[in-house]
Amino acid sequence: MANFTSILAATDFSTDARHAVERTATICATVGIPRGTVLHVLESSWLDTLKHLVNLSAESEQALVSQASRSLADLVAAVQKRSGFGLESKVAVGRVVDTILEQSGSHDLLALGARGTHPLRRFVVGTTAERLVRQTPKPVLVVRRAPSAPYRRVLVATDFSPHSRTALLRGMEIAPRAEIHLLHVFEAPFEGRMLEAGVPEEIVREYRTKAGHEAEVQMRRFIGENGVAGGRLRYSVAYGDHPPAALREKAAVIDADLVVAGKHGRSIGEQLLLGSVTLHLLSECECDVLVVQ
């Protein structure tokens, strides 16, 4: 797997987007990524509306672009002063999602703020960030917090699929100094049906215990197959029927500043849609989230 060599941070000048730009500079400086670019897109439909409503002239349109360029240059300069890493800047006119997707094609990682300029908007279906995560083949870093330091503790969700392997490797790459915590949330298949059928609870508990032991075996096999060792790795398995809740609780317990998850899981349904676990994490997790293919 190729290493990250460039990051594109998209900004709408919101607070979270600024955090994404700051995190991009921090990662570039920490990991040794040579190229970071900050992109601001002026929505073409907005400019078209102004042209229609107020007869916006070509000179006035160019003035708006120039103003955005100055604002972006000021942001990049402030981030460089704080981080010591110089980012490139670019202003483009077009459809926001399409333009970001196009520009991200020449970068290895896309960084976004979790919330945009609307202060009440959360990460939900239909937002710009959610649409980008769905549509891009690139890894996406969704940033919620202002970076005070490189990532210290990273929680990687695993279901032992190839996507989980990619998530683990990418998490280790983006946070080379961090503790890595692997978590697998397991269920005991057909447990509910067993209880409905009147199977004694002690037998169901034994069945659940065996499922937990099998999950431990799979976890150790997964770690061994991926050649992960050393003091920076921790792992655990947890029983639960709602993995997002277990992941959020684990992230809180270890004070994770980054959660990494595959875009899809093992199930056939999640190969067609953005994985439900990942979507819950993006919406509800209090720390940054890295989504990988």
Protein backbone atom coordinates (compact mmCIF):
# COMPACT_ATOMS: atom_id res chain seq x y z
CA MET A 1 0.00 0.00 0.00
CA ALA A 2 1.40 3.39 -1.03
CA ASN A 3 2.05 5.94 1.69
CA PHE A 4 0.30 9.28 1.90
CA THR A 5 2.20 11.90 -0.11
CA SER A 6 -0.40 14.69 -0.30
CA ILE A 7 -3.50 15.93 1.53
CA LEU A 8 -6.31 18.13 0.26
CA ALA A 9 -8.19 20.09 2.93
CA ALA A 10 -11.49 21.62 1.80
CA THR A 11 -12.67 24.72 3.64
CA ASP A 12 -15.79 26.87 3.72
CA PHE A 13 -14.18 29.05 6.42
CA SER A 14 -16.27 27.44 9.17
CA THR A 15 -14.72 26.59 12.54
CA ASP A 16 -14.57 22.85 11.85
CA ALA A 17 -13.09 23.45 8.40
CA ARG A 18 -10.35 25.54 10.01
CA HIS A 19 -9.66 22.64 12.36
CA ALA A 20 -9.35 20.40 9.27
CA VAL A 21 -6.79 22.77 7.75
CA GLU A 22 -4.84 22.91 11.01
CA ARG A 23 -4.93 19.12 11.33
CA THR A 24 -3.71 18.78 7.73
CA ALA A 25 -0.66 20.92 8.53
CA THR A 26 -0.03 18.97 11.74
CA ILE A 27 -0.17 15.62 9.93
CA CYS A 28 2.09 16.82 7.12
CA ALA A 29 4.66 18.08 9.62
CA THR A 30 4.46 14.97 11.83
CA VAL A 31 4.38 12.26 9.16
CA GLY A 32 6.63 14.00 6.65
CA ILE A 33 4.01 14.43 3.94
CA PRO A 34 5.50 16.91 1.48
CA ARG A 35 2.36 18.45 0.01
CA GLY A 36 -0.77 19.90 1.56
CA THR A 37 -3.35 21.97 -0.30
CA VAL A 38 -6.25 24.03 1.02
CA LEU A 39 -9.20 24.39 -1.36
CA HIS A 40 -12.14 26.78 -1.18
CA VAL A 41 -14.92 26.41 -3.71
CA LEU A 42 -17.23 29.27 -4.63
CA GLU A 43 -20.55 27.64 -5.50
CA SER A 44 -21.32 28.37 -9.14
CA SER A 45 -25.08 28.18 -8.61
CA TRP A 46 -24.79 30.93 -5.98
CA LEU A 47 -22.91 33.16 -8.42
CA ASP A 48 -25.48 32.39 -11.13
CA THR A 49 -28.27 33.45 -8.75
CA LEU A 50 -26.51 36.74 -8.05
CA LYS A 51 -26.09 37.34 -11.75
CA HIS A 52 -29.80 36.80 -12.24
CA LEU A 53 -31.03 38.79 -9.24
CA VAL A 54 -28.66 41.75 -9.12
CA ASN A 55 -27.10 41.66 -12.57
CA LEU A 56 -23.70 40.74 -11.14
CA SER A 57 -20.98 42.00 -13.47
CA ALA A 58 -17.86 40.08 -14.48
CA GLU A 59 -15.79 42.59 -12.50
CA SER A 60 -17.89 42.04 -9.38
CA GLU A 61 -17.64 38.28 -9.78
CA GLN A 62 -13.86 38.54 -10.03
CA ALA A 63 -13.86 40.73 -6.93
CA LEU A 64 -15.66 37.95 -5.01
CA VAL A 65 -13.04 35.45 -6.17
CA SER A 66 -10.24 37.81 -5.17
CA GLN A 67 -11.80 38.35 -1.75
CA ALA A 68 -12.04 34.59 -1.21
CA SER A 69 -8.41 34.22 -2.29
CA ARG A 70 -7.30 36.83 0.26
CA SER A 71 -9.29 35.15 3.03
CA LEU A 72 -7.78 31.81 2.13
CA ALA A 73 -4.27 33.25 2.04
CA ASP A 74 -4.80 34.74 5.51
CA LEU A 75 -5.98 31.36 6.81
CA VAL A 76 -3.01 29.52 5.34
CA ALA A 77 -0.57 32.09 6.73
CA ALA A 78 -2.08 31.81 10.22
CA VAL A 79 -1.91 28.01 10.13
CA GLN A 80 1.68 28.07 8.91
CA LYS A 81 2.67 30.43 11.74
CA ARG A 82 1.19 28.00 14.25
CA SER A 83 2.33 24.70 12.72
CA GLY A 84 5.51 25.64 10.88
CA PHE A 85 4.26 23.87 7.75
CA GLY A 86 3.45 25.74 4.55
CA LEU A 87 0.26 24.74 2.74
CA GLU A 88 -0.69 25.58 -0.82
CA SER A 89 -3.96 27.43 -1.41
CA LYS A 90 -6.47 27.31 -4.24
CA VAL A 91 -9.82 28.94 -4.97
CA ALA A 92 -12.11 27.39 -7.57
CA VAL A 93 -15.58 28.14 -8.95
CA GLY A 94 -17.98 25.24 -9.53
CA ARG A 95 -20.34 22.81 -7.87
CA VAL A 96 -18.87 22.27 -4.42
CA VAL A 97 -19.02 18.46 -4.21
CA ASP A 98 -18.03 17.88 -7.84
CA THR A 99 -15.13 20.32 -7.64
CA ILE A 100 -13.76 18.86 -4.40
CA LEU A 101 -14.02 15.34 -5.86
CA GLU A 102 -12.19 16.46 -8.98
CA GLN A 103 -9.43 18.25 -7.06
CA SER A 104 -8.99 15.36 -4.61
CA GLY A 105 -8.08 13.08 -7.51
CA SER A 106 -4.49 14.32 -7.37
CA HIS A 107 -4.20 13.85 -3.59
CA ASP A 108 -4.03 10.79 -1.33
CA LEU A 109 -6.23 12.01 1.53
CA LEU A 110 -9.19 14.39 1.78
CA ALA A 111 -9.69 16.35 5.02
CA LEU A 112 -13.04 17.95 5.88
CA GLY A 113 -14.68 19.68 8.79
CA ALA A 114 -17.51 17.72 10.38
CA ARG A 115 -19.87 20.71 10.25
CA GLY A 116 -20.11 23.50 7.74
CA THR A 117 -20.99 27.16 8.00
CA HIS A 118 -24.51 26.44 9.31
CA PRO A 119 -24.02 26.27 13.12
CA LEU A 120 -26.89 23.83 13.69
CA ARG A 121 -26.05 21.40 10.91
CA ARG A 122 -24.85 17.99 12.05
CA PHE A 123 -23.22 15.29 9.99
CA VAL A 124 -26.35 13.78 8.47
CA VAL A 125 -27.44 12.30 5.17
CA GLY A 126 -27.35 15.01 2.52
CA THR A 127 -24.63 17.23 3.98
CA THR A 128 -21.64 18.10 1.82
CA ALA A 129 -19.25 16.08 3.99
CA GLU A 130 -21.49 13.00 3.98
CA ARG A 131 -21.89 13.17 0.19
CA LEU A 132 -18.14 13.43 -0.26
CA VAL A 133 -17.49 10.43 1.99
CA ARG A 134 -19.99 8.42 -0.02
CA GLN A 135 -18.67 9.37 -3.43
CA THR A 136 -14.90 9.60 -3.15
CA PRO A 137 -12.62 6.56 -3.46
CA LYS A 138 -10.05 8.39 -1.34
CA PRO A 139 -9.59 8.09 2.42
CA VAL A 140 -11.46 10.91 4.17
CA LEU A 141 -10.51 12.51 7.47
CA VAL A 142 -13.50 14.19 9.14
CA VAL A 143 -12.23 16.65 11.74
CA ARG A 144 -14.16 17.81 14.81
CA ARG A 145 -11.48 19.09 17.15
CA ALA A 146 -8.79 21.74 17.01
CA PRO A 147 -5.44 19.92 16.97
CA SER A 148 -3.25 20.72 19.94
CA ALA A 149 -0.73 17.97 19.12
CA PRO A 150 -0.28 14.95 16.84
CA TYR A 151 -2.75 12.14 17.42
CA ARG A 152 -1.97 10.32 20.68
CA ARG A 153 -4.53 7.49 20.90
CA VAL A 154 -6.21 5.94 17.87
CA LEU A 155 -9.13 3.51 18.00
CA VAL A 156 -9.42 1.22 14.96
CA ALA A 157 -12.70 -0.62 14.40
CA THR A 158 -12.20 -4.08 12.95
CA ASP A 159 -14.46 -6.85 11.67
CA PHE A 160 -11.40 -8.69 10.26
CA SER A 161 -12.34 -7.79 6.66
CA PRO A 162 -9.84 -6.41 4.10
CA HIS A 163 -11.29 -2.96 4.81
CA SER A 164 -10.28 -3.42 8.44
CA ARG A 165 -6.72 -4.25 7.41
CA THR A 166 -6.59 -1.03 5.38
CA ALA A 167 -8.04 0.90 8.32
CA LEU A 168 -5.36 -0.45 10.65
CA LEU A 169 -2.48 0.34 8.31
CA ARG A 170 -3.79 3.82 7.50
CA GLY A 171 -4.36 4.56 11.18
CA MET A 172 -0.78 3.60 11.99
CA GLU A 173 0.49 5.72 9.11
CA ILE A 174 -1.44 8.88 9.93
CA ALA A 175 -0.54 8.65 13.62
CA PRO A 176 2.99 7.19 13.81
CA ARG A 177 3.49 8.17 17.45
CA ALA A 178 0.10 7.12 18.79
CA GLU A 179 -1.11 4.16 20.77
CA ILE A 180 -3.24 1.99 18.50
CA HIS A 181 -6.31 0.33 20.04
CA LEU A 182 -8.02 -2.38 17.99
CA LEU A 183 -11.63 -3.13 18.87
CA HIS A 184 -13.92 -5.85 17.53
CA VAL A 185 -17.58 -5.84 18.57
CA PHE A 186 -19.06 -9.32 18.31
CA GLU A 187 -22.55 -10.76 18.46
CA ALA A 188 -23.67 -14.29 19.24
CA PRO A 189 -25.65 -15.27 16.11
CA PHE A 190 -29.19 -16.53 16.71
CA GLU A 191 -29.01 -15.71 20.42
CA GLY A 192 -32.35 -13.94 20.26
CA ARG A 193 -34.01 -16.91 18.61
CA MET A 194 -32.57 -19.22 21.23
CA LEU A 195 -34.09 -17.13 24.02
CA GLU A 196 -37.43 -16.95 22.21
CA ALA A 197 -37.38 -20.73 21.87
CA GLY A 198 -36.97 -21.11 25.62
CA VAL A 199 -33.35 -22.26 25.66
CA PRO A 200 -32.09 -21.97 29.27
CA GLU A 201 -30.15 -18.78 29.99
CA GLU A 202 -27.07 -20.65 31.22
CA ILE A 203 -26.77 -22.37 27.83
CA VAL A 204 -27.18 -19.04 26.04
CA ARG A 205 -24.49 -17.51 28.26
CA GLU A 206 -22.15 -20.40 27.46
CA TYR A 207 -22.88 -19.91 23.78
CA ARG A 208 -22.05 -16.19 24.09
CA THR A 209 -18.83 -16.98 25.95
CA LYS A 210 -17.74 -19.32 23.17
CA ALA A 211 -18.50 -16.62 20.60
CA GLY A 212 -16.27 -14.26 22.59
CA HIS A 213 -13.45 -16.80 22.66
CA GLU A 214 -13.75 -17.24 18.88
CA ALA A 215 -13.59 -13.46 18.46
CA GLU A 216 -10.37 -13.41 20.53
CA VAL A 217 -8.87 -16.11 18.28
CA GLN A 218 -9.84 -14.15 15.17
CA MET A 219 -8.35 -10.97 16.63
CA ARG A 220 -5.00 -12.61 17.37
CA ARG A 221 -4.99 -14.16 13.90
CA PHE A 222 -5.79 -10.79 12.34
CA ILE A 223 -2.94 -9.11 14.20
CA GLY A 224 -0.51 -11.88 13.27
CA GLU A 225 -1.48 -11.86 9.60
CA ASN A 226 -0.88 -8.13 9.40
CA GLY A 227 2.49 -8.25 11.14
CA VAL A 228 1.50 -5.80 13.85
CA ALA A 229 3.50 -5.96 17.04
CA GLY A 230 5.11 -3.74 19.59
CA GLY A 231 4.14 -1.74 22.63
CA ARG A 232 1.95 0.75 20.77
CA LEU A 233 -0.79 -1.83 20.02
CA ARG A 234 -3.69 -2.72 22.33
CA TYR A 235 -6.65 -4.87 21.42
CA SER A 236 -9.99 -5.92 22.87
CA VAL A 237 -13.25 -7.60 21.92
CA ALA A 238 -16.64 -6.50 23.21
CA TYR A 239 -20.07 -8.05 23.10
CA GLY A 240 -22.88 -5.89 21.76
CA ASP A 241 -25.67 -5.64 19.25
CA HIS A 242 -24.92 -2.00 18.39
CA PRO A 243 -21.26 -1.59 17.39
CA PRO A 244 -21.37 2.23 17.07
CA ALA A 245 -22.32 2.56 20.75
CA ALA A 246 -19.53 0.20 21.80
CA LEU A 247 -17.02 2.11 19.69
CA ARG A 248 -18.12 5.47 21.11
CA GLU A 249 -17.84 4.11 24.66
CA LYS A 250 -14.38 2.68 23.99
CA ALA A 251 -13.24 5.94 22.42
CA ALA A 252 -14.38 7.79 25.54
CA VAL A 253 -12.70 5.30 27.90
CA ILE A 254 -9.30 5.55 26.21
CA ASP A 255 -9.73 9.26 25.39
CA ALA A 256 -9.16 8.60 21.69
CA ASP A 257 -8.55 11.60 19.48
CA LEU A 258 -9.06 9.59 16.27
CA VAL A 259 -11.31 6.68 15.29
CA VAL A 260 -10.54 4.78 12.09
CA ALA A 261 -13.10 2.66 10.26
CA GLY A 262 -13.47 1.00 6.89
CA LYS A 263 -16.01 2.54 4.55
CA HIS A 264 -17.72 -0.85 4.23
CA GLY A 265 -17.88 -3.98 6.34
CA ARG A 266 -18.36 -7.66 5.66
CA SER A 267 -22.08 -7.63 4.90
CA ILE A 268 -23.36 -7.53 1.32
CA GLY A 269 -25.61 -4.59 2.13
CA GLU A 270 -22.70 -2.50 3.30
CA GLN A 271 -20.92 -3.08 -0.01
CA LEU A 272 -23.73 -1.12 -1.67
CA LEU A 273 -24.16 1.71 0.85
CA LEU A 274 -21.94 3.63 3.19
CA GLY A 275 -21.61 1.22 6.11
CA SER A 276 -24.13 1.87 8.85
CA VAL A 277 -21.46 1.62 11.56
CA THR A 278 -19.30 4.18 9.79
CA LEU A 279 -22.21 6.55 9.23
CA HIS A 280 -23.11 6.39 12.94
CA LEU A 281 -19.50 7.14 13.87
CA LEU A 282 -19.41 10.15 11.56
CA SER A 283 -22.61 11.50 13.03
CA GLU A 284 -22.08 10.75 16.71
CA CYS A 285 -18.38 10.37 17.49
CA GLU A 286 -16.91 13.27 19.48
CA CYS A 287 -13.40 12.95 18.03
CA ASP A 288 -11.98 12.93 14.49
CA VAL A 289 -12.89 10.01 12.22
CA LEU A 290 -10.81 8.58 9.37
CA VAL A 291 -12.81 6.62 6.79
CA VAL A 292 -10.86 4.37 4.44
CA GLN A 293 -11.79 2.12 1.53
